[in-house]
Protein backbone atom coordinates (compact mmCIF):
# COMPACT_ATOMS: atom_id res chain seq x y z
CA MET A 1 4.23 23.37 -5.88
CA ALA A 2 6.56 25.88 -3.91
CA PHE A 3 6.18 25.91 0.07
CA PHE A 4 7.00 28.98 2.17
CA SER A 5 6.67 29.67 5.93
CA GLU A 6 3.90 32.57 5.06
CA GLY A 7 0.78 32.90 2.93
CA GLN A 8 -1.02 30.15 0.95
CA GLY A 9 1.85 27.81 0.52
CA ARG A 10 1.93 27.42 4.50
CA VAL A 11 -1.70 26.97 4.79
CA LYS A 12 -1.54 24.30 1.99
CA LEU A 13 0.98 22.43 3.78
CA LEU A 14 -0.73 22.67 6.99
CA MET A 15 -3.86 21.25 5.61
CA LEU A 16 -1.51 18.40 4.09
CA TYR A 17 0.27 17.81 7.64
CA ILE A 18 -3.28 17.62 9.41
CA MET A 19 -4.29 14.68 6.94
CA HIS A 20 -1.03 13.23 7.39
CA SER A 21 -1.28 13.34 11.29
CA PHE A 22 -4.81 11.62 11.28
CA ARG A 23 -3.78 8.76 9.26
CA THR A 24 -7.25 8.10 8.32
CA PRO A 25 -9.48 9.91 5.55
CA VAL A 26 -11.33 13.10 6.92
CA THR A 27 -14.18 14.59 5.42
CA ARG A 28 -13.61 18.57 4.55
CA GLU A 29 -15.60 19.54 7.71
CA GLN A 30 -13.27 17.58 9.82
CA LEU A 31 -10.26 19.10 7.98
CA TYR A 32 -11.63 22.55 8.57
CA THR A 33 -12.39 22.18 12.23
CA ALA A 34 -8.85 20.97 12.69
CA MET A 35 -7.63 24.06 10.82
CA VAL A 36 -9.54 26.20 13.14
CA ARG A 37 -7.83 24.85 15.88
CA VAL A 38 -4.26 25.96 14.56
CA ASP A 39 -4.60 28.65 12.09
CA ASP A 40 -6.91 31.49 11.37
CA THR A 41 -7.52 30.85 7.89
CA GLY A 42 -11.06 31.66 6.63
CA PHE A 43 -13.55 29.12 5.59
CA PHE A 44 -13.59 30.49 1.62
CA GLU A 45 -9.60 30.48 1.65
CA MET A 46 -9.40 26.97 2.99
CA SER A 47 -11.88 26.03 0.49
CA GLU A 48 -10.21 27.20 -2.33
CA LEU A 49 -6.83 26.03 -1.42
CA LEU A 50 -8.10 22.47 -0.69
CA ALA A 51 -9.59 22.59 -4.21
CA GLU A 52 -5.91 23.44 -5.64
CA LEU A 53 -4.68 20.53 -3.78
CA ILE A 54 -7.02 18.27 -4.89
CA GLY A 55 -6.47 19.57 -8.40
CA GLU A 56 -2.49 19.45 -8.14
CA GLN A 57 -3.19 15.69 -6.86
CA TYR A 58 -1.62 16.13 -3.38
CA ALA A 59 -5.01 14.97 -1.72
CA LEU A 60 -7.74 13.16 -3.12
CA ALA A 61 -11.64 13.39 -2.62
CA VAL A 62 -13.49 10.26 -2.76
CA PRO A 63 -17.24 10.23 -2.84
CA ALA A 64 -18.59 8.02 0.35
CA ARG A 65 -22.35 8.08 1.20
CA GLY A 66 -23.16 11.55 0.65
CA ARG A 67 -20.09 12.84 1.73
CA GLN A 68 -16.61 13.32 0.50
CA LEU A 69 -13.72 11.73 2.27
CA LEU A 70 -10.27 13.18 1.58
CA PHE A 71 -7.22 11.12 1.34
CA LEU A 72 -3.65 12.22 1.32
CA THR A 73 -1.85 10.91 -2.09
CA GLU A 74 1.67 9.37 -2.07
CA LYS A 75 2.74 12.74 -3.63
CA GLY A 76 0.90 14.66 -0.88
CA ALA A 77 2.60 12.48 1.88
CA ARG A 78 6.19 12.96 0.41
CA LEU A 79 5.70 16.69 0.18
CA CYS A 80 4.48 16.73 3.86
CA GLU A 81 7.29 14.74 5.26
CA GLU A 82 9.89 16.75 2.89
CA PHE A 83 8.67 19.97 4.12
CA GLU A 84 7.12 19.27 7.57
CA ARG A 85 9.85 21.14 9.48
CA GLU A 86 8.53 24.66 7.91
CA ILE A 87 5.70 24.20 10.17
CA ALA A 88 6.53 25.44 13.83
CA ARG A 89 7.17 23.07 16.29
CA SER A 90 4.44 24.33 18.66
CA VAL A 91 1.83 24.09 15.63
CA ARG A 92 3.06 20.50 14.83
CA ASP A 93 2.90 19.35 18.24
CA GLU A 94 -0.71 21.04 18.67
CA VAL A 95 -2.13 19.13 15.40
CA ILE A 96 -0.35 15.93 16.46
CA GLY A 97 -2.21 16.05 19.84
CA TYR A 98 -5.28 16.96 18.25
CA ALA A 99 -5.39 14.19 15.75
CA ASN A 100 -4.59 11.63 18.49
CA ASP A 101 -7.03 12.62 20.62
CA GLU A 102 -9.84 12.81 17.71
CA ARG A 103 -8.56 10.01 15.52
CA GLU A 104 -10.96 7.39 16.49
CA ASN A 105 -13.91 9.63 16.50
CA VAL A 106 -12.94 10.59 12.95
CA ARG A 107 -12.50 7.24 11.89
CA ARG A 108 -15.84 5.98 13.43
CA SER A 109 -17.50 8.86 12.00
CA ASN A 110 -16.52 8.24 8.62
CA CYS A 111 -17.00 4.38 8.81
CA VAL A 112 -20.37 3.96 10.65
CA VAL A 113 -23.10 5.64 8.83
CA SER A 114 -27.01 6.02 8.85
CA ASP A 115 -29.33 7.49 6.38
CA ALA A 116 -32.95 8.18 7.42
CA VAL A 117 -35.52 9.04 4.75
CA PRO A 118 -39.19 9.94 5.88
CA GLN A 119 -41.88 8.10 4.21
CA PRO A 120 -45.39 9.65 3.11
CA ASP A 121 -47.18 7.62 5.92
CA GLY A 122 -44.90 9.12 8.82
CA SER A 123 -42.71 6.19 8.97
CA TRP A 124 -38.96 6.06 8.19
CA VAL A 125 -36.53 3.93 6.29
CA LEU A 126 -33.41 3.85 7.83
CA THR A 127 -30.16 2.27 6.34
CA LEU A 128 -27.46 1.38 8.66
CA SER A 129 -23.75 0.84 7.24
CA ILE A 130 -20.22 0.10 8.13
CA LEU A 131 -17.80 1.10 5.51
CA GLU A 132 -14.37 -0.09 5.22
CA LYS A 133 -12.12 1.64 2.88
CA ASP A 134 -14.30 2.36 -0.29
CA SER A 135 -16.82 -0.62 0.10
CA VAL A 136 -19.70 -1.60 2.15
CA LEU A 137 -18.81 -3.98 4.97
CA PHE A 138 -22.18 -4.30 6.41
CA GLU A 139 -25.63 -2.73 5.86
CA ILE A 140 -29.24 -3.17 6.92
CA THR A 141 -32.52 -1.22 6.05
CA LEU A 142 -35.14 -1.10 8.64
CA HIS A 143 -38.62 0.25 8.35
CA LEU A 144 -39.49 2.02 11.51
CA PRO A 145 -42.74 3.79 12.64
CA ASP A 146 -41.56 6.99 13.40
CA SER A 147 -38.99 9.51 14.08
CA GLY A 148 -38.69 9.05 17.72
CA SER A 149 -37.77 5.20 17.21
CA THR A 150 -35.45 6.19 13.97
CA TYR A 151 -33.44 8.43 16.04
CA ARG A 152 -33.11 5.94 18.88
CA ALA A 153 -31.85 3.32 16.48
CA GLN A 154 -29.48 5.94 15.05
CA GLN A 155 -27.91 6.82 18.48
CA VAL A 156 -27.61 3.03 19.41
CA TRP A 157 -25.84 2.56 16.09
CA ALA A 158 -23.49 5.26 16.39
CA ALA A 159 -22.55 3.95 19.89
CA ASP A 160 -22.41 0.29 19.21
CA ALA A 161 -22.31 -0.45 15.45
CA ASP A 162 -19.24 -2.95 15.77
CA GLY A 163 -21.07 -4.97 18.38
CA ILE A 164 -24.20 -5.13 16.41
CA TYR A 165 -22.22 -6.04 13.42
CA ILE A 166 -20.38 -8.98 15.31
CA ASP A 167 -23.66 -10.00 17.19
CA MET A 168 -25.74 -10.36 13.92
CA LEU A 169 -22.59 -12.05 12.01
CA SER A 170 -22.22 -14.74 14.83
CA ARG A 171 -26.15 -15.18 14.88
CA LEU A 172 -26.08 -15.49 11.06
CA THR A 173 -23.30 -17.96 10.77
CA LYS A 174 -24.00 -19.93 13.94
CA LYS A 175 -23.71 -23.70 13.32
CA GLU A 176 -26.80 -25.75 14.47
CA GLU A 177 -26.01 -27.60 17.43
CA SER A 178 -26.20 -31.56 17.33
């Protein structure tokens, strides 16, 4: 694939550069949000070009808990490093700044997951998960009485999943005191 300073090649290179700058998998929505900050390419064109990047094996889309995570392949990383100077310095700086500011939020939103399913009796089944790479590190399923308690549990989980996981792990593996 040839990259040029204009047109679709530039947009593809910019998408690869954004994925490279985050240094963590991103969702399509996260990639598109970053693109909107630095480029005026439309949603449908971005979708089409991302599909081409995946088809050409510069990026990889991996299903993960009801979403797809996008990974930069080695081929994509090499191409990005080789041609990144084709992107204007001001745009590279803006991408790097945005990626640095949002990296932890992106990582966290892609690793800390909650899935809520309403039940016929008005209760909810809530599954809380921590994903690491492509596997489930921790998962717990709760049955909650109503949507309000389900929402509160999701908010607490989003804010403190790591702490909850560590607390549960330490409680479950605690040795009895003699």
